[in-house]
Protein backbone atom coordinates (compact mmCIF):
# COMPACT_ATOMS: atom_id res chain seq x y z
CA MET A 1 149.37 78.20 115.54
CA SER A 2 152.13 76.08 113.61
CA ASP A 3 152.49 76.54 109.86
CA GLN A 4 151.63 72.93 109.56
CA ARG A 5 148.26 73.39 111.24
CA LYS A 6 147.52 76.40 109.01
CA GLN A 7 148.10 74.59 105.97
CA ALA A 8 145.99 71.63 107.25
CA GLU A 9 143.07 73.98 108.02
CA LEU A 10 143.34 75.69 104.65
CA ALA A 11 143.25 72.28 102.93
CA ALA A 12 140.10 71.29 104.82
CA ARG A 13 138.35 74.68 103.69
CA GLN A 14 139.21 74.17 100.05
CA ALA A 15 137.85 70.48 100.20
CA ARG A 16 134.85 71.81 101.62
CA ASP A 17 134.44 74.37 99.06
CA ILE A 18 134.67 71.66 96.33
CA THR A 19 130.91 70.96 96.59
CA ARG A 20 128.99 68.73 94.37
CA ARG A 21 126.94 71.65 93.17
CA TYR A 22 130.38 73.45 92.37
CA PHE A 23 131.44 70.23 90.46
CA PHE A 24 128.53 70.13 88.42
CA GLY A 25 128.40 73.65 87.77
CA GLN A 26 131.95 74.13 86.67
CA CYS A 27 132.83 70.70 84.89
CA GLY A 28 132.85 71.66 81.33
CA VAL A 29 132.33 68.37 80.04
CA GLY A 30 130.65 67.02 82.95
CA LEU A 31 126.90 66.19 83.66
CA GLY A 32 125.92 69.80 84.15
CA ALA A 33 127.22 71.06 80.72
CA ILE A 34 125.56 68.09 78.98
CA ALA A 35 122.24 68.62 80.80
CA LEU A 36 122.48 72.42 79.86
CA GLN A 37 123.10 71.65 76.15
CA SER A 38 120.40 69.34 75.95
CA LEU A 39 117.87 72.03 77.38
CA LEU A 40 119.24 74.48 75.07
CA ALA A 41 118.62 72.11 72.03
CA GLN A 42 115.00 71.75 73.33
CA ASP A 43 113.99 75.20 74.25
CA GLY A 44 114.46 78.81 72.68
CA ALA A 45 113.15 80.63 69.68
CA ALA A 46 111.76 78.57 66.79
CA ASP A 47 110.99 81.32 64.63
CA PRO A 48 114.21 82.61 63.03
CA THR A 49 112.92 85.96 62.58
CA VAL A 50 112.62 86.70 66.25
CA ARG A 51 116.13 87.33 67.47
CA LEU A 52 116.44 88.47 70.86
CA ASP A 53 118.89 90.74 72.12
CA PRO A 54 119.82 89.08 75.57
CA THR A 55 120.67 92.59 77.02
CA ASN A 56 117.54 94.29 75.91
CA PRO A 57 114.78 91.53 75.07
CA LEU A 58 112.12 94.37 74.67
CA ALA A 59 114.03 96.02 71.76
CA GLU A 60 112.02 96.60 68.88
CA ARG A 61 111.87 93.74 66.11
CA ALA A 62 110.44 93.66 62.72
CA PRO A 63 107.56 91.20 62.07
CA HIS A 64 107.29 88.88 59.01
CA TYR A 65 105.71 91.44 56.91
CA ALA A 66 104.24 95.15 56.91
CA PRO A 67 101.86 95.54 59.70
CA LYS A 68 98.78 97.20 59.77
CA ALA A 69 98.65 97.62 63.49
CA LYS A 70 101.33 98.44 66.04
CA ARG A 71 99.93 98.17 69.19
CA VAL A 72 96.74 96.75 70.96
CA ILE A 73 94.32 97.66 73.63
CA TYR A 74 92.10 94.75 74.80
CA LEU A 75 89.13 95.70 76.87
CA PHE A 76 88.17 92.44 78.64
CA MET A 77 84.80 92.26 80.16
CA ALA A 78 85.32 89.20 82.61
CA GLY A 79 82.45 86.97 83.38
CA GLY A 80 80.66 86.84 80.03
CA PRO A 81 78.70 89.82 78.98
CA SER A 82 75.07 88.72 77.88
CA GLN A 83 74.95 89.43 74.04
CA LEU A 84 70.94 88.84 74.40
CA GLU A 85 70.73 91.89 76.63
CA LEU A 86 73.24 94.17 74.72
CA PHE A 87 73.82 93.28 70.83
CA ASP A 88 71.75 90.24 69.76
CA ASP A 89 68.05 91.07 69.54
CA LYS A 90 65.97 87.92 69.09
CA PRO A 91 62.17 88.77 68.85
CA LYS A 92 61.26 84.98 68.16
CA LEU A 93 62.96 84.36 71.41
CA ARG A 94 60.77 86.71 73.29
CA GLU A 95 57.89 85.28 71.64
CA LEU A 96 58.60 81.71 72.95
CA THR A 97 59.58 82.78 76.50
CA GLY A 98 58.72 79.99 78.95
CA GLN A 99 58.52 77.27 76.46
CA LYS A 100 61.17 74.39 76.26
CA PRO A 101 63.92 74.70 73.86
CA PRO A 102 64.03 72.48 70.80
CA GLU A 103 65.61 69.15 71.79
CA SER A 104 67.67 69.29 68.63
CA MET A 105 69.35 72.46 69.68
CA LEU A 106 70.17 70.79 73.00
CA SER A 107 71.49 67.57 71.93
CA GLY A 108 75.16 66.93 72.71
CA LYS A 109 75.40 70.29 74.64
CA ARG A 110 76.94 70.68 78.00
CA PHE A 111 76.35 73.88 80.32
CA ALA A 112 78.04 74.96 83.41
CA PHE A 113 74.92 75.04 85.65
CA LEU A 114 71.82 74.14 83.70
CA LYS A 115 69.93 71.18 84.74
CA GLY A 116 67.83 70.30 81.53
CA ASN A 117 64.47 71.44 82.78
CA GLU A 118 64.83 75.30 82.04
CA THR A 119 62.79 77.34 79.58
CA LEU A 120 63.54 79.80 76.92
CA LEU A 121 64.04 83.53 77.84
CA GLY A 122 63.70 86.43 75.92
CA SER A 123 65.30 89.73 76.99
CA ALA A 124 63.26 92.38 78.54
CA ARG A 125 65.54 95.06 76.95
CA LYS A 126 64.13 97.43 74.32
CA PHE A 127 66.22 97.29 71.26
CA ASP A 128 66.78 99.72 68.14
CA ARG A 129 68.99 99.68 64.79
CA HIS A 130 71.62 102.15 64.56
CA GLY A 131 74.05 103.53 61.90
CA GLN A 132 74.51 102.53 58.44
CA CYS A 133 75.27 99.33 59.16
CA GLY A 134 71.99 98.61 60.99
CA MET A 135 73.49 97.19 64.06
CA THR A 136 70.94 96.42 66.86
CA LEU A 137 72.08 97.87 70.32
CA SER A 138 69.81 97.69 73.62
CA GLU A 139 68.76 100.65 75.56
CA LEU A 140 71.59 99.74 77.95
CA LEU A 141 74.27 100.92 75.61
CA PRO A 142 73.19 104.59 74.74
CA TYR A 143 77.28 105.69 74.07
CA HIS A 144 77.91 102.86 71.90
CA ARG A 145 75.54 104.19 69.25
CA GLN A 146 77.99 106.75 68.35
CA ILE A 147 80.51 104.09 67.18
CA VAL A 148 78.28 101.49 65.23
CA ASP A 149 79.74 102.60 62.12
CA GLN A 150 83.41 102.82 63.43
CA VAL A 151 83.63 99.19 64.73
CA CYS A 152 83.31 95.73 63.37
CA TRP A 153 80.84 93.57 64.90
CA LEU A 154 81.51 89.75 65.35
CA GLN A 155 78.29 88.10 66.19
CA GLY A 156 79.30 84.51 65.69
CA MET A 157 82.02 84.22 68.06
CA LYS A 158 82.31 80.61 69.60
CA THR A 159 84.68 79.17 72.12
CA ASP A 160 85.41 75.45 73.51
CA VAL A 161 85.25 76.24 77.28
CA PHE A 162 82.40 76.91 79.42
CA ASN A 163 83.76 77.66 82.81
CA HIS A 164 85.19 81.18 83.79
CA GLY A 165 88.89 80.31 84.61
CA PRO A 166 89.56 77.81 81.75
CA ALA A 167 87.71 80.24 79.25
CA LYS A 168 89.43 83.18 80.16
CA LEU A 169 92.72 81.22 79.63
CA PHE A 170 91.60 80.04 76.43
CA MET A 171 90.78 83.52 75.48
CA ASN A 172 93.90 84.88 76.40
CA THR A 173 96.28 82.11 75.98
CA GLY A 174 94.84 79.85 73.24
CA PHE A 175 94.71 76.98 75.88
CA GLN A 176 92.30 76.17 78.92
CA ALA A 177 94.99 75.37 81.30
CA PRO A 178 97.60 77.65 82.91
CA GLY A 179 101.20 77.74 81.60
CA ARG A 180 101.07 79.12 78.20
CA PRO A 181 101.95 82.64 77.17
CA SER A 182 99.32 84.98 76.92
CA MET A 183 98.49 87.30 73.90
CA GLY A 184 100.42 90.33 75.17
CA SER A 185 103.23 88.08 75.92
CA TRP A 186 103.37 86.47 72.32
CA VAL A 187 103.12 90.02 70.97
CA THR A 188 105.82 91.52 72.94
CA TYR A 189 107.89 88.35 72.24
CA GLY A 190 107.42 88.89 68.44
CA LEU A 191 107.73 92.79 68.36
CA GLY A 192 109.43 94.04 71.40
CA SER A 193 108.39 97.46 72.66
CA PRO A 194 109.29 101.12 71.85
CA SER A 195 108.83 102.08 75.46
CA ARG A 196 112.06 102.46 77.32
CA ASP A 197 110.63 103.65 80.51
CA LEU A 198 107.45 101.50 80.89
CA PRO A 199 106.81 97.69 80.56
CA GLY A 200 105.92 96.45 76.92
CA PHE A 201 102.79 94.77 78.22
CA VAL A 202 100.53 96.53 81.08
CA VAL A 203 97.64 95.09 82.67
CA LEU A 204 94.69 97.33 84.53
CA GLN A 205 91.98 95.92 86.49
CA SER A 206 88.74 97.21 87.84
CA GLY A 207 85.53 95.90 89.26
CA PRO A 208 84.80 94.21 92.48
CA ARG A 209 87.50 91.47 92.25
CA GLY A 210 90.09 90.40 90.17
CA PRO A 211 89.37 88.09 87.16
CA ARG A 212 89.17 84.21 87.70
CA ALA A 213 92.67 82.45 86.82
CA GLY A 214 94.52 85.76 87.93
CA ALA A 215 98.03 86.28 86.98
CA SER A 216 98.00 83.32 84.50
CA LEU A 217 95.91 85.30 82.06
CA TRP A 218 99.02 87.69 81.72
CA SER A 219 101.76 85.23 82.22
CA SER A 220 104.55 84.74 79.94
CA GLY A 221 104.30 81.04 80.35
CA PHE A 222 107.33 79.41 79.10
CA LEU A 223 108.67 82.55 77.10
CA PRO A 224 111.16 84.50 78.94
CA SER A 225 109.78 86.33 81.78
CA SER A 226 110.73 89.68 80.51
CA PHE A 227 107.51 89.41 78.32
CA GLN A 228 104.95 88.87 81.21
CA GLY A 229 102.25 91.40 81.87
CA VAL A 230 102.90 94.05 84.57
CA PRO A 231 99.84 95.01 86.59
CA LEU A 232 99.41 98.72 87.37
CA ARG A 233 97.49 99.41 90.59
CA GLY A 234 94.68 101.92 90.31
CA LYS A 235 95.15 103.37 93.72
CA GLY A 236 98.35 104.12 95.95
CA GLU A 237 101.66 103.11 94.46
CA PRO A 238 101.07 102.21 91.03
CA ILE A 239 103.55 99.20 91.38
CA LEU A 240 104.23 97.90 94.80
CA HIS A 241 107.80 98.55 96.35
CA LEU A 242 108.71 100.65 93.39
CA GLN A 243 109.19 103.84 95.50
CA SER A 244 112.71 104.53 97.18
CA PRO A 245 112.74 103.81 100.93
CA ASP A 246 112.79 106.51 103.36
CA GLY A 247 116.38 108.32 103.64
CA VAL A 248 117.50 106.87 100.36
CA ASP A 249 118.18 109.43 97.51
CA ARG A 250 118.59 109.01 93.73
CA GLN A 251 122.26 108.81 93.75
CA GLN A 252 122.48 106.21 96.60
CA GLU A 253 119.68 104.13 94.83
CA ARG A 254 121.74 104.21 91.63
CA GLU A 255 124.77 102.95 93.33
CA PHE A 256 122.75 99.96 94.87
CA TYR A 257 121.28 99.07 91.29
CA GLU A 258 125.00 99.23 89.98
CA ALA A 259 126.20 97.03 92.88
CA VAL A 260 123.61 94.38 92.50
CA ASN A 261 124.01 94.37 88.63
CA SER A 262 127.64 93.57 88.89
CA LEU A 263 126.93 90.73 91.12
CA ASN A 264 124.11 89.42 88.85
CA ARG A 265 126.46 89.83 85.94
CA ALA A 266 129.06 87.86 87.68
CA ARG A 267 126.62 85.10 88.27
CA LEU A 268 125.54 85.21 84.80
CA ALA A 269 128.94 84.89 83.32
CA GLU A 270 129.52 81.77 85.69
CA SER A 271 126.02 80.03 85.30
CA GLY A 272 124.59 81.39 81.74
CA ASP A 273 121.06 81.50 83.26
CA PRO A 274 119.16 83.75 81.07
CA GLU A 275 116.59 84.62 83.66
CA ILE A 276 119.44 86.40 85.13
CA LEU A 277 119.37 88.67 82.35
CA THR A 278 115.48 89.06 83.02
CA ARG A 279 116.64 90.02 86.58
CA ILE A 280 119.08 92.53 85.51
CA ASN A 281 116.55 94.30 83.22
CA ALA A 282 113.91 94.36 85.40
CA TYR A 283 115.94 96.15 87.99
CA GLU A 284 117.12 98.77 85.36
CA MET A 285 113.10 99.24 84.48
CA ALA A 286 112.12 99.48 87.91
CA PHE A 287 114.82 102.40 88.35
CA ARG A 288 113.49 104.33 85.33
CA MET A 289 109.79 103.65 86.33
CA GLN A 290 110.20 105.39 89.50
CA SER A 291 109.73 108.49 87.54
CA SER A 292 107.66 107.23 84.48
CA ALA A 293 105.02 105.41 86.38
CA PRO A 294 103.89 108.22 88.73
CA GLU A 295 103.90 110.72 85.74
CA LEU A 296 101.50 108.26 83.93
CA MET A 297 99.08 107.96 86.76
CA ASP A 298 99.07 111.81 87.22
CA LEU A 299 96.02 112.93 85.27
CA SER A 300 96.44 116.73 86.19
CA SER A 301 97.53 117.39 82.73
CA GLU A 302 94.36 115.97 81.11
CA THR A 303 91.37 118.67 80.63
CA SER A 304 88.38 118.84 82.38
CA GLU A 305 86.59 117.88 78.99
CA THR A 306 88.53 114.92 78.57
CA LEU A 307 87.84 113.71 82.12
CA LYS A 308 84.28 114.43 81.66
CA GLU A 309 84.16 112.54 78.08
CA TYR A 310 85.68 109.46 79.76
CA GLY A 311 83.41 109.74 83.08
CA VAL A 312 86.74 110.04 85.10
CA THR A 313 86.37 110.91 88.83
CA PRO A 314 89.97 112.09 89.73
CA GLY A 315 91.47 109.97 92.46
CA GLU A 316 88.70 107.17 92.05
CA PRO A 317 89.95 103.94 90.51
CA SER A 318 87.53 102.77 87.90
CA PHE A 319 87.11 101.28 84.32
CA ALA A 320 86.91 104.86 83.01
CA THR A 321 90.34 105.77 84.72
CA ASN A 322 91.85 102.74 83.18
CA CYS A 323 90.56 103.59 79.66
CA LEU A 324 92.16 107.09 79.96
CA LEU A 325 95.17 105.42 81.31
CA ALA A 326 95.29 102.97 78.25
CA ARG A 327 95.33 105.87 75.92
CA ARG A 328 98.18 107.41 77.93
CA LEU A 329 100.04 104.21 77.76
CA VAL A 330 100.06 103.76 74.16
CA GLU A 331 100.91 107.31 73.69
CA ARG A 332 104.28 106.34 75.66
CA GLY A 333 104.98 103.49 73.57
CA VAL A 334 103.41 100.43 75.39
CA ARG A 335 102.76 97.71 72.81
CA PHE A 336 99.98 95.96 74.54
CA VAL A 337 97.59 97.09 76.98
CA GLN A 338 94.87 94.97 78.63
CA LEU A 339 91.97 96.16 80.81
CA TYR A 340 90.02 93.62 82.88
CA HIS A 341 86.49 94.71 84.20
CA THR A 342 84.48 92.47 86.72
CA ASN A 343 81.60 91.27 87.29
CA TRP A 344 79.67 90.25 84.16
CA ASP A 345 78.56 86.95 85.50
CA SER A 346 74.76 86.93 85.25
CA HIS A 347 73.29 83.81 86.72
CA GLY A 348 70.58 85.48 88.82
CA GLY A 349 70.77 86.08 92.40
CA PRO A 350 72.62 88.43 94.84
CA GLY A 351 74.75 90.65 92.78
CA GLU A 352 74.43 88.77 89.61
CA ASP A 353 70.71 89.49 88.36
CA LEU A 354 69.89 90.73 84.85
CA ASN A 355 68.16 93.77 86.12
CA ALA A 356 69.93 96.47 88.45
CA ASP A 357 73.21 94.47 88.78
CA PHE A 358 73.66 93.95 84.97
CA GLU A 359 72.52 97.61 84.21
CA LYS A 360 75.28 98.81 86.91
CA VAL A 361 78.11 96.85 85.07
CA VAL A 362 77.01 98.10 81.80
CA ARG A 363 76.94 101.83 82.72
CA GLN A 364 80.64 101.45 84.12
CA VAL A 365 81.96 100.49 80.69
CA ASP A 366 79.71 101.93 78.28
CA GLN A 367 80.71 105.67 78.10
CA PRO A 368 84.49 105.11 78.79
CA SER A 369 84.96 102.36 76.02
CA VAL A 370 83.42 104.70 73.59
CA ALA A 371 85.30 107.74 74.84
CA LEU A 372 88.62 105.82 74.49
CA LEU A 373 87.81 104.77 70.69
CA LEU A 374 86.85 108.33 69.78
CA ASP A 375 89.83 110.04 71.84
CA LEU A 376 92.24 107.47 69.79
CA LYS A 377 90.74 108.39 66.63
CA ARG A 378 90.90 112.43 67.52
CA ARG A 379 94.67 111.86 68.30
CA GLY A 380 95.48 109.85 65.25
CA LEU A 381 96.36 106.88 67.39
CA LEU A 382 93.44 104.63 66.14
CA ASP A 383 95.30 104.52 62.68
CA ASP A 384 97.84 101.96 64.14
CA THR A 385 96.08 100.80 67.15
CA LEU A 386 93.63 97.61 67.21
CA VAL A 387 91.09 97.74 70.05
CA ILE A 388 89.10 94.86 71.10
CA TRP A 389 86.01 94.63 73.25
CA GLY A 390 84.43 91.40 74.58
CA GLY A 391 84.41 88.60 77.16
CA GLU A 392 85.32 84.98 77.60
CA PHE A 393 81.74 83.70 76.32
CA GLY A 394 78.15 84.53 76.05
CA ARG A 395 74.99 83.64 77.76
CA THR A 396 72.36 81.16 77.06
CA PRO A 397 68.91 81.54 75.40
CA MET A 398 67.61 79.55 78.41
CA GLY A 399 67.03 81.40 81.94
CA GLU A 400 68.85 80.00 84.94
CA VAL A 401 66.74 79.84 87.95
CA ARG A 402 68.16 80.91 91.07
CA SER A 403 66.66 83.72 93.55
CA SER A 404 66.14 85.61 90.38
CA ILE A 405 66.24 84.65 86.68
CA GLY A 406 69.74 84.84 85.09
CA ARG A 407 71.61 83.13 82.28
CA ASP A 408 74.20 80.36 82.24
CA HIS A 409 77.30 80.46 80.22
CA HIS A 410 77.11 79.90 76.49
CA VAL A 411 80.00 78.96 74.18
CA ASP A 412 78.36 78.70 70.91
CA ALA A 413 77.25 82.41 70.30
CA PHE A 414 78.41 85.50 71.71
CA THR A 415 79.55 89.08 70.37
CA ILE A 416 82.69 91.01 70.47
CA TRP A 417 83.70 94.26 68.65
CA LEU A 418 86.91 95.28 66.91
CA ALA A 419 88.07 98.75 65.75
CA GLY A 420 91.19 100.51 64.37
CA SER A 421 93.82 99.83 61.95
CA GLY A 422 93.24 97.14 59.30
CA ILE A 423 89.69 96.50 60.40
CA LYS A 424 86.54 97.24 58.07
CA PRO A 425 84.53 99.69 59.98
CA GLY A 426 80.69 99.51 60.39
CA ILE A 427 80.27 95.78 59.21
CA ILE A 428 78.26 92.98 61.11
CA HIS A 429 80.21 89.73 60.54
CA GLY A 430 78.12 86.67 61.47
CA LYS A 431 74.61 86.08 62.11
CA THR A 432 73.07 83.80 64.94
CA ASP A 433 69.86 81.66 64.56
CA GLU A 434 66.41 83.01 65.60
CA LEU A 435 66.90 81.83 69.26
CA GLY A 436 70.52 82.92 69.52
CA PHE A 437 71.76 79.20 70.05
CA ALA A 438 74.70 79.45 67.57
CA ALA A 439 76.00 80.99 64.41
CA GLU A 440 74.18 80.51 61.23
CA THR A 441 77.02 82.29 59.23
CA GLY A 442 80.27 83.84 59.97
CA ALA A 443 81.25 81.65 62.94
CA VAL A 444 84.42 82.91 64.45
CA HIS A 445 86.59 80.51 66.76
CA VAL A 446 88.86 82.00 69.42
CA HIS A 447 91.84 80.75 67.41
CA ASP A 448 90.79 82.73 64.25
CA LEU A 449 90.52 85.85 66.47
CA HIS A 450 94.25 85.18 67.54
CA ALA A 451 95.16 84.35 64.00
CA THR A 452 93.69 87.80 62.98
CA LEU A 453 95.27 89.57 65.64
CA LEU A 454 98.81 88.57 64.96
CA HIS A 455 97.91 89.26 61.09
CA LEU A 456 97.13 92.50 61.57
CA LEU A 457 100.33 92.95 63.53
CA GLY A 458 102.25 91.65 60.69
CA PHE A 459 102.83 87.83 61.72
CA ASP A 460 102.06 84.53 59.89
CA HIS A 461 100.68 83.01 63.18
CA GLU A 462 101.85 79.58 61.87
CA ARG A 463 105.59 80.90 62.02
CA LEU A 464 105.45 82.75 65.28
CA THR A 465 106.67 80.06 67.37
CA PHE A 466 108.67 79.05 70.36
CA ARG A 467 110.29 75.82 71.14
CA PHE A 468 109.62 74.22 74.53
CA GLN A 469 110.33 70.95 75.76
CA GLY A 470 111.12 69.63 72.20
CA ARG A 471 107.90 70.99 70.48
CA ASP A 472 107.26 74.42 68.44
CA TYR A 473 104.25 76.03 70.35
CA ARG A 474 102.38 78.94 68.99
CA LEU A 475 99.24 81.17 70.30
CA THR A 476 96.93 79.42 67.87
CA ASP A 477 97.99 75.87 68.59
CA VAL A 478 97.45 73.89 65.56
CA HIS A 479 94.35 75.84 64.43
CA GLY A 480 93.15 79.42 63.35
CA GLN A 481 92.29 80.95 60.16
CA VAL A 482 92.45 84.69 59.54
CA ILE A 483 89.08 86.40 59.19
CA ARG A 484 89.73 87.92 55.78
CA ASP A 485 86.23 89.24 55.57
CA ILE A 486 86.82 91.80 58.09
CA LEU A 487 90.07 93.05 56.77
CA ALA A 488 90.35 96.62 55.39
């Protein structure tokens, strides 16, 4: 081949390499740079106190002021537990069972399934008062009697959304549609995480299926994806594809990660894409978790007394096992642990009746929820851990007629409890009317709960923000008041 022909082919290849994408990516004063500068001007941390280290986004950061709590365990009862069968005894409702509800109470109300011809339904459960605070608990919660004076009962909870998926999103992200960051993401964005070998935000699931709305419940939304929740599986590999392939030893894997990271860093230097840093950090975390995740899931070091206290059967995935794992996670520095347990939906009919089906799901959570709280207290972890127990909404005082009688979704009155650092123990905050329709005193909105959570972690909820598409977003949107009456 002649030198002239070689030069022509080289020139042709060079021309092909100067692509449109290459031009816009490399042109320092072209459209690509202008667009990138515009995006950077719109998006990013709006709270000047949150200064992310791009090489370690989960590095610990100081909040706005001294926190009462350092970590959170959220026990989420997916499906909406019936407060009228568990916590909120209504003798008057039992007396009026079968009668029409007052029109004044139904005016302007919307329900998910009720048709307007249903009647009042009192609980068939026996209730008693317990503890110095006099909290009423039903016969279905024998273990909860041990902690009535150690938790704060919010009996006037209310929300805005009456369908499961949107209501779960609202409770977890402050908004009823996907796309916003979850509580755990906001917390790890603000505080980082002291754990080097485990994610800052971990999700554990139990029950017959996953929660409606799925992974959007623990999504990082528009925050950097380093802050999204990481689900751990209760059986088999804790995280899929974490184990080394057959025939690959630790040194070979280390060399592989270093080669991939060098390529990622070269691309990062070229493009400036922050998600490449997330990818680099994810590879490093995955490498460390090959040792830390199996050790976390191995319960052989736990005593038989501890397993019995929680109700754990070794090797069997369950809410009880997840409660014990939650304690082990916070011991290892994980900032936010969320447990989802299904199915609390109690419309009536197969799998959702208020009798055997409801009793079954209550039994699955009563003992381990209490064991977790007592174990945290015994180990000194409750002093700086906030524990939350509750669902996305409550259930109606009217019965819902299916193949058996159940209750529909109810947004105006339900019960959750809080315990741990910064919370007054043994108080009942709020009171519902005699039929359980709505709070007469002490109403607490979801945004108020979020504001209080962030306050306990050391944040002014109005200042913990992130700029996205030209707007400063926050977990509490433009609402929320700290519930001062429950603070220690």
